[in-house]
Amino acid sequence: MGNRLRLFFFRRNEGVWIIMPKTTGQKVLFGLLMSFFMVLAMELYNTGLRNGGLTNAGILEALRELPLMFVLCFLTSSVAGEPLAARMAARLAVPREWPLAAVLARSAMTVCVMCPAMSLWATALFQRPGAEFVPAWLQTVVKNFPMAFFWQIFFCGPLVRRLFRLLVPAAAAASACAEEAAE
């Protein structure tokens, strides 16, 4: 079982470990996939927290909230989240010999930007705290950050990169050609 999981998440693909989107269309597809899987997990998580545990009714409630939060996540990520996270990750000292470090740094910075942003949306839309908005928002960020971070690093990020490789084989081929040319 362990080897299968390792192969699913970390398998080399034609000599290339990490394949990231290059074109605008690829970036949109990658963003849509990432937004969907992050929002799905976070909606299930928050619904479970609100209801004292996740139930079948809670899953339906989370799925009803999913479309709105998916659109908000994708737009927030496209407009502010990803550009800001990319700038923050670029400032980190990451060894060039280990491309996975760059991906992990970018993923971590994305969570650092998107978790507070999406918690802001969720606080405004679902909690309606009135005058206690800032404390309610900060509490939401603190509750969501650990889940968002670990889900992104260990599950969602690897899953979306794997799906991206399967859906856009041209990106894998282009990366392999670029790597061969660099050698």
Protein backbone atom coordinates (compact mmCIF):
# COMPACT_ATOMS: atom_id res chain seq x y z
CA MET A 1 0.00 0.00 0.00
CA GLY A 2 2.79 2.44 0.93
CA ASN A 3 4.56 1.99 -2.40
CA ARG A 4 1.34 2.56 -4.33
CA LEU A 5 0.71 5.84 -2.48
CA ARG A 6 4.28 6.95 -3.09
CA LEU A 7 3.96 6.09 -6.78
CA PHE A 8 0.65 7.96 -7.05
CA PHE A 9 1.86 11.16 -5.45
CA PHE A 10 5.58 11.28 -6.21
CA ARG A 11 6.11 9.18 -9.34
CA ARG A 12 8.67 10.42 -11.84
CA ASN A 13 7.03 11.17 -15.14
CA GLU A 14 9.39 10.74 -18.10
CA GLY A 15 12.37 12.01 -16.11
CA VAL A 16 10.52 15.01 -14.65
CA TRP A 17 9.39 15.20 -11.04
CA ILE A 18 7.33 18.35 -11.07
CA ILE A 19 5.23 19.57 -13.96
CA MET A 20 3.66 22.96 -13.48
CA PRO A 21 1.38 24.92 -15.83
CA LYS A 22 3.05 27.21 -18.35
CA THR A 23 0.35 28.60 -20.66
CA THR A 24 -2.64 30.69 -19.60
CA GLY A 25 -5.01 27.82 -20.39
CA GLN A 26 -2.94 25.42 -18.33
CA LYS A 27 -2.84 27.88 -15.43
CA VAL A 28 -6.63 28.24 -15.54
CA LEU A 29 -7.11 24.45 -15.57
CA PHE A 30 -4.65 24.02 -12.71
CA GLY A 31 -6.35 26.81 -10.74
CA LEU A 32 -9.80 25.31 -11.29
CA LEU A 33 -8.64 21.87 -10.13
CA MET A 34 -6.83 23.27 -7.09
CA SER A 35 -9.75 25.52 -6.14
CA PHE A 36 -12.25 22.68 -6.43
CA PHE A 37 -10.36 20.19 -4.28
CA MET A 38 -9.35 22.77 -1.66
CA VAL A 39 -12.88 24.16 -1.37
CA LEU A 40 -14.40 20.67 -1.21
CA ALA A 41 -12.15 19.63 1.68
CA MET A 42 -12.48 22.92 3.55
CA GLU A 43 -16.27 22.96 3.20
CA LEU A 44 -16.50 19.42 4.57
CA TYR A 45 -14.11 20.34 7.39
CA ASN A 46 -15.94 23.53 8.37
CA THR A 47 -19.37 21.91 8.14
CA GLY A 48 -18.13 19.16 10.45
CA LEU A 49 -16.80 21.76 12.90
CA ARG A 50 -20.06 23.75 12.82
CA ASN A 51 -22.24 20.69 13.35
CA GLY A 52 -20.08 18.90 15.92
CA GLY A 53 -19.10 16.22 13.41
CA LEU A 54 -19.65 15.34 9.77
CA THR A 55 -22.89 13.56 8.91
CA ASN A 56 -24.69 12.70 5.68
CA ALA A 57 -26.79 15.85 6.11
CA GLY A 58 -23.61 17.82 6.72
CA ILE A 59 -22.09 16.53 3.48
CA LEU A 60 -25.16 17.76 1.59
CA GLU A 61 -24.90 21.13 3.36
CA ALA A 62 -21.22 21.40 2.37
CA LEU A 63 -22.01 20.48 -1.24
CA ARG A 64 -24.67 23.24 -1.35
CA GLU A 65 -22.08 25.80 -0.25
CA LEU A 66 -19.45 24.46 -2.65
CA PRO A 67 -20.41 26.32 -5.89
CA LEU A 68 -20.30 29.80 -4.34
CA MET A 69 -17.09 29.16 -2.42
CA PHE A 70 -15.50 27.53 -5.49
CA VAL A 71 -16.13 30.64 -7.61
CA LEU A 72 -14.91 32.94 -4.82
CA CYS A 73 -11.80 30.81 -4.31
CA PHE A 74 -10.91 30.69 -8.00
CA LEU A 75 -11.41 34.44 -8.46
CA THR A 76 -9.56 35.35 -5.26
CA SER A 77 -6.72 33.01 -6.16
CA SER A 78 -6.46 34.27 -9.73
CA VAL A 79 -6.62 37.97 -8.90
CA ALA A 80 -4.62 38.21 -5.69
CA GLY A 81 -3.72 34.87 -4.11
CA GLU A 82 -1.42 33.28 -6.65
CA PRO A 83 0.42 36.45 -7.73
CA LEU A 84 1.11 37.40 -4.10
CA ALA A 85 2.08 33.83 -3.13
CA ALA A 86 4.43 33.63 -6.11
CA ARG A 87 6.18 36.85 -5.06
CA MET A 88 6.45 35.64 -1.46
CA ALA A 89 7.83 32.24 -2.52
CA ALA A 90 10.35 33.88 -4.85
CA ARG A 91 11.85 35.71 -1.84
CA LEU A 92 12.58 32.43 -0.05
CA ALA A 93 15.99 30.79 -0.38
CA VAL A 94 15.17 27.53 -2.15
CA PRO A 95 17.89 25.18 -3.46
CA ARG A 96 17.68 24.89 -7.26
CA GLU A 97 18.81 21.25 -7.13
CA TRP A 98 15.57 20.31 -5.39
CA PRO A 99 12.58 21.49 -7.47
CA LEU A 100 10.16 19.98 -4.98
CA ALA A 101 11.34 22.59 -2.44
CA ALA A 102 10.17 25.36 -4.77
CA VAL A 103 6.77 23.68 -5.17
CA LEU A 104 6.41 23.22 -1.41
CA ALA A 105 7.43 26.85 -0.79
CA ARG A 106 4.87 28.06 -3.33
CA SER A 107 2.19 25.81 -1.82
CA ALA A 108 2.93 27.02 1.70
CA MET A 109 2.83 30.67 0.63
CA THR A 110 -0.43 30.07 -1.22
CA VAL A 111 -1.98 28.75 1.99
CA CYS A 112 -0.58 31.76 3.89
CA VAL A 113 -2.42 34.08 1.48
CA MET A 114 -5.55 32.11 0.61
CA CYS A 115 -6.50 30.83 4.08
CA PRO A 116 -7.02 34.32 5.53
CA ALA A 117 -8.72 35.47 2.32
CA MET A 118 -11.16 32.55 2.15
CA SER A 119 -11.76 32.73 5.90
CA LEU A 120 -12.73 36.37 5.37
CA TRP A 121 -15.30 35.33 2.75
CA ALA A 122 -16.62 32.51 4.94
CA THR A 123 -16.89 34.76 8.00
CA ALA A 124 -18.83 37.38 6.06
CA LEU A 125 -21.14 34.91 4.29
CA PHE A 126 -21.86 32.26 6.90
CA GLN A 127 -21.18 33.64 10.38
CA ARG A 128 -22.60 37.19 10.18
CA PRO A 129 -20.73 38.28 13.35
CA GLY A 130 -21.67 41.97 13.20
CA ALA A 131 -19.44 44.13 15.39
CA GLU A 132 -17.30 41.10 16.31
CA PHE A 133 -16.20 40.59 12.69
CA VAL A 134 -12.43 40.84 13.20
CA PRO A 135 -12.28 38.41 16.17
CA ALA A 136 -14.61 35.98 14.35
CA TRP A 137 -12.43 36.18 11.23
CA LEU A 138 -9.20 35.66 13.18
CA GLN A 139 -10.71 32.66 14.97
CA THR A 140 -11.78 31.22 11.62
CA VAL A 141 -8.25 31.64 10.22
CA VAL A 142 -6.76 29.89 13.26
CA LYS A 143 -9.20 26.97 12.93
CA ASN A 144 -8.75 26.64 9.16
CA PHE A 145 -5.01 27.14 8.75
CA PRO A 146 -3.77 23.74 10.00
CA MET A 147 -6.30 21.86 7.85
CA ALA A 148 -5.61 24.01 4.79
CA PHE A 149 -1.85 23.69 5.17
CA PHE A 150 -1.66 19.94 5.65
CA TRP A 151 -4.38 19.23 3.09
CA GLN A 152 -2.54 21.36 0.51
CA ILE A 153 0.95 19.98 1.15
CA PHE A 154 0.17 16.28 1.55
CA PHE A 155 -3.01 15.60 -0.40
CA CYS A 156 -4.50 18.30 -2.60
CA GLY A 157 -1.26 19.60 -4.12
CA PRO A 158 0.07 16.16 -5.12
CA LEU A 159 -3.38 15.06 -6.33
CA VAL A 160 -3.90 18.14 -8.49
CA ARG A 161 -0.38 17.94 -9.98
CA ARG A 162 -1.01 14.27 -10.80
CA LEU A 163 -4.39 15.06 -12.40
CA PHE A 164 -2.78 17.93 -14.31
CA ARG A 165 -0.12 15.57 -15.71
CA LEU A 166 -2.86 13.17 -16.80
CA LEU A 167 -5.08 15.87 -18.33
CA VAL A 168 -2.28 17.83 -20.03
CA PRO A 169 0.29 15.31 -21.29
CA ALA A 170 1.74 18.03 -23.55
CA ALA A 171 2.95 19.86 -20.41
CA ALA A 172 4.85 16.73 -19.35
CA ALA A 173 6.38 16.36 -22.79
CA ALA A 174 7.36 20.04 -22.90
CA SER A 175 8.99 19.80 -19.45
CA ALA A 176 10.91 16.67 -20.47
CA CYS A 177 12.18 18.40 -23.63
CA ALA A 178 13.21 21.49 -21.66
CA GLU A 179 15.05 19.36 -19.11
CA GLU A 180 16.93 17.47 -21.85
CA ALA A 181 17.90 20.73 -23.53
CA ALA A 182 19.24 22.07 -20.23
CA GLU A 183 21.49 19.03 -19.80
